[in-house]
Amino acid sequence: MNASPDAAARAAGIRLVALDVDGTLTDGRLFIGPGGEAMKAFSVRDGFGLTLLREAGIVLAVITARRSAIVEVRAAELKLDEVLQGVHDKAEALRALCLRRQVAPAAAAFVGDDWPDLGAMALAGLAATVADAPAAVRERAHWVSQARAGRGAVREFAEFVLLAQGRLDDALARYAGPTA
């Protein structure tokens, strides 16, 4: 992980996490058959990271430029609070989401991977990206994963946020059970 000096302080106040999908929750590859989009691969570890954030009371959303029934299915499985597809101005979508959810943009994180995400990343209190994002995106992020997109980067981000909020040990304890 590569983080700015104030990244943990920024993460400590996060109440809402919004993410791009392609290139963030997936490896960015699109499998398109004759009938349109056929498949996307999602990491179960990333999904569990989002579950941990949801269990911690953090509002979860995806904001993506593409439209995909596959995203709807995955978002429903993960019980995401908001699914915004076909979005061309992600900063405005994040601003409206924060207003709807009564969360200041400073208490929101945005995880993106490419230039169209930069506006939302600039608006968010915590801008995060994946290890394989272009240099211009990594340079503008407060936090950069060690893992690649669709390969545990979002899980890594979730654990970073929970650690900064002092909630990681409690989350682990819920799953680890009593110690001897």
Protein backbone atom coordinates (compact mmCIF):
# COMPACT_ATOMS: atom_id res chain seq x y z
CA MET A 1 0.00 0.00 0.00
CA ASN A 2 1.10 3.52 -0.78
CA ALA A 3 -0.62 6.24 1.25
CA SER A 4 -0.29 9.96 1.75
CA PRO A 5 0.70 11.07 5.26
CA ASP A 6 -2.89 12.06 6.06
CA ALA A 7 -4.63 9.04 4.47
CA ALA A 8 -5.34 7.27 7.77
CA ALA A 9 -6.78 10.46 9.29
CA ARG A 10 -8.98 10.87 6.21
CA ALA A 11 -10.09 7.22 6.42
CA ALA A 12 -10.98 7.56 10.11
CA GLY A 13 -13.96 9.76 9.27
CA ILE A 14 -15.34 7.85 6.27
CA ARG A 15 -19.09 7.17 6.39
CA LEU A 16 -19.72 6.48 2.69
CA VAL A 17 -17.67 4.56 0.12
CA ALA A 18 -18.42 4.83 -3.59
CA LEU A 19 -16.57 2.79 -6.17
CA ASP A 20 -16.17 2.55 -9.89
CA VAL A 21 -16.73 -0.97 -11.23
CA ASP A 22 -14.67 -1.80 -14.34
CA GLY A 23 -10.99 -1.64 -13.46
CA THR A 24 -11.71 -1.31 -9.75
CA LEU A 25 -14.04 -4.13 -8.68
CA THR A 26 -13.07 -6.05 -11.81
CA ASP A 27 -9.78 -6.38 -13.64
CA GLY A 28 -11.14 -4.09 -16.33
CA ARG A 29 -11.59 -6.70 -19.01
CA LEU A 30 -15.00 -6.91 -20.68
CA PHE A 31 -16.22 -10.15 -22.22
CA ILE A 32 -18.70 -9.22 -24.94
CA GLY A 33 -20.60 -11.83 -26.91
CA PRO A 34 -23.04 -11.44 -29.79
CA GLY A 35 -25.84 -10.52 -27.36
CA GLY A 36 -23.79 -7.88 -25.54
CA GLU A 37 -21.87 -8.04 -22.30
CA ALA A 38 -21.49 -11.65 -21.26
CA MET A 39 -19.24 -11.72 -18.20
CA LYS A 40 -17.28 -9.77 -15.62
CA ALA A 41 -15.08 -11.37 -12.98
CA PHE A 42 -15.43 -10.10 -9.41
CA SER A 43 -13.17 -11.06 -6.50
CA VAL A 44 -14.94 -12.71 -3.57
CA ARG A 45 -12.32 -11.14 -1.31
CA ASP A 46 -13.26 -7.68 -2.57
CA GLY A 47 -16.90 -8.56 -1.99
CA PHE A 48 -16.17 -9.63 1.56
CA GLY A 49 -14.29 -6.38 2.13
CA LEU A 50 -17.44 -4.50 1.11
CA THR A 51 -19.46 -6.72 3.47
CA LEU A 52 -17.11 -5.73 6.31
CA LEU A 53 -17.62 -2.05 5.51
CA ARG A 54 -21.41 -2.50 5.36
CA GLU A 55 -21.36 -4.32 8.72
CA ALA A 56 -19.46 -1.33 10.12
CA GLY A 57 -22.34 0.93 9.08
CA ILE A 58 -20.66 2.52 6.07
CA VAL A 59 -22.93 3.41 3.14
CA LEU A 60 -21.81 1.62 -0.03
CA ALA A 61 -22.40 2.64 -3.64
CA VAL A 62 -21.13 2.02 -7.13
CA ILE A 63 -20.90 4.84 -9.64
CA THR A 64 -20.11 3.62 -13.13
CA ALA A 65 -20.31 4.96 -16.67
CA ARG A 66 -21.37 1.63 -18.15
CA ARG A 67 -24.75 -0.05 -17.75
CA SER A 68 -24.72 -3.72 -16.89
CA ALA A 69 -27.22 -6.22 -15.56
CA ILE A 70 -24.21 -8.09 -14.17
CA VAL A 71 -23.41 -5.12 -11.93
CA GLU A 72 -27.01 -5.05 -10.69
CA VAL A 73 -26.77 -8.73 -9.72
CA ARG A 74 -23.44 -8.33 -7.92
CA ALA A 75 -24.57 -5.17 -6.13
CA ALA A 76 -27.72 -6.97 -4.93
CA GLU A 77 -25.64 -9.92 -3.67
CA LEU A 78 -23.46 -7.50 -1.69
CA LYS A 79 -26.46 -5.46 -0.48
CA LEU A 80 -24.99 -2.20 -1.75
CA ASP A 81 -27.04 0.84 -0.82
CA GLU A 82 -26.91 2.58 -4.21
CA VAL A 83 -26.16 1.51 -7.78
CA LEU A 84 -25.66 4.41 -10.17
CA GLN A 85 -25.03 3.27 -13.75
CA GLY A 86 -24.73 5.19 -17.00
CA VAL A 87 -23.09 8.07 -15.13
CA HIS A 88 -20.93 10.44 -17.15
CA ASP A 89 -20.17 12.99 -14.42
CA LYS A 90 -19.05 10.90 -11.47
CA ALA A 91 -18.20 13.95 -9.34
CA GLU A 92 -21.76 15.28 -9.69
CA ALA A 93 -23.17 11.82 -8.98
CA LEU A 94 -21.04 11.58 -5.84
CA ARG A 95 -22.09 15.08 -4.77
CA ALA A 96 -25.78 14.18 -5.20
CA LEU A 97 -25.28 10.84 -3.41
CA CYS A 98 -23.67 12.59 -0.45
CA LEU A 99 -26.53 15.07 -0.31
CA ARG A 100 -29.14 12.28 -0.45
CA ARG A 101 -27.37 10.29 2.25
CA GLN A 102 -26.61 13.39 4.35
CA VAL A 103 -22.88 12.71 4.31
CA ALA A 104 -20.38 15.52 3.76
CA PRO A 105 -18.07 14.85 0.80
CA ALA A 106 -15.15 14.99 3.27
CA ALA A 107 -16.66 11.88 4.93
CA ALA A 108 -16.91 10.05 1.59
CA ALA A 109 -14.30 7.91 -0.16
CA PHE A 110 -14.17 7.24 -3.87
CA VAL A 111 -12.25 4.28 -5.29
CA GLY A 112 -11.55 4.66 -9.00
CA ASP A 113 -9.02 3.55 -11.55
CA ASP A 114 -8.88 5.91 -14.51
CA TRP A 115 -9.18 9.49 -15.70
CA PRO A 116 -13.02 9.57 -15.72
CA ASP A 117 -12.84 8.94 -11.94
CA LEU A 118 -10.58 11.89 -11.14
CA GLY A 119 -13.39 14.40 -10.55
CA ALA A 120 -15.08 12.16 -7.98
CA MET A 121 -11.72 11.36 -6.41
CA ALA A 122 -10.97 15.10 -6.08
CA LEU A 123 -14.36 15.73 -4.42
CA ALA A 124 -14.08 12.85 -1.94
CA GLY A 125 -12.38 13.22 1.40
CA LEU A 126 -10.44 10.03 0.67
CA ALA A 127 -9.38 9.28 -2.91
CA ALA A 128 -8.25 5.71 -3.48
CA THR A 129 -7.10 3.71 -6.46
CA VAL A 130 -5.70 0.35 -7.48
CA ALA A 131 -2.06 -0.61 -8.05
CA ASP A 132 -2.48 -0.93 -11.81
CA ALA A 133 -4.19 2.43 -12.36
CA PRO A 134 -2.47 4.89 -14.68
CA ALA A 135 0.24 7.03 -13.08
CA ALA A 136 -1.87 10.21 -13.30
CA VAL A 137 -4.56 8.54 -11.16
CA ARG A 138 -2.13 7.03 -8.64
CA GLU A 139 -0.46 10.43 -8.23
CA ARG A 140 -3.80 12.05 -7.30
CA ALA A 141 -4.88 9.39 -4.82
CA HIS A 142 -4.46 9.53 -1.06
CA TRP A 143 -4.26 5.74 -0.98
CA VAL A 144 -3.05 3.19 -3.58
CA SER A 145 -3.45 -0.55 -3.10
CA GLN A 146 -0.69 -3.11 -3.48
CA ALA A 147 -3.16 -5.48 -5.16
CA ARG A 148 -4.32 -5.09 -8.73
CA ALA A 149 -7.88 -4.28 -9.75
CA GLY A 150 -10.28 -7.16 -9.27
CA ARG A 151 -7.61 -9.04 -7.32
CA GLY A 152 -8.17 -7.93 -3.73
CA ALA A 153 -7.52 -4.18 -4.02
CA VAL A 154 -10.94 -3.30 -2.61
CA ARG A 155 -10.50 -5.76 0.27
CA GLU A 156 -7.18 -4.12 1.05
CA PHE A 157 -8.91 -0.71 1.00
CA ALA A 158 -11.72 -1.93 3.29
CA GLU A 159 -9.23 -3.21 5.85
CA PHE A 160 -7.32 0.09 5.68
CA VAL A 161 -10.51 2.06 6.43
CA LEU A 162 -11.54 -0.27 9.26
CA LEU A 163 -8.05 -0.13 10.77
CA ALA A 164 -8.05 3.69 10.62
CA GLN A 165 -11.43 3.69 12.37
CA GLY A 166 -10.28 1.29 15.07
CA ARG A 167 -12.80 -1.32 13.90
CA LEU A 168 -10.64 -3.96 12.23
CA ASP A 169 -9.99 -6.06 15.35
CA ASP A 170 -13.70 -6.11 16.23
CA ALA A 171 -14.59 -7.16 12.69
CA LEU A 172 -12.05 -9.98 12.80
CA ALA A 173 -13.27 -11.08 16.24
CA ARG A 174 -16.83 -11.50 14.89
CA TYR A 175 -15.52 -14.11 12.47
CA ALA A 176 -12.65 -15.64 14.43
CA GLY A 177 -14.72 -16.58 17.46
CA PRO A 178 -13.41 -16.81 21.00
CA THR A 179 -9.70 -17.24 21.55
CA ALA A 180 -8.31 -19.90 23.84
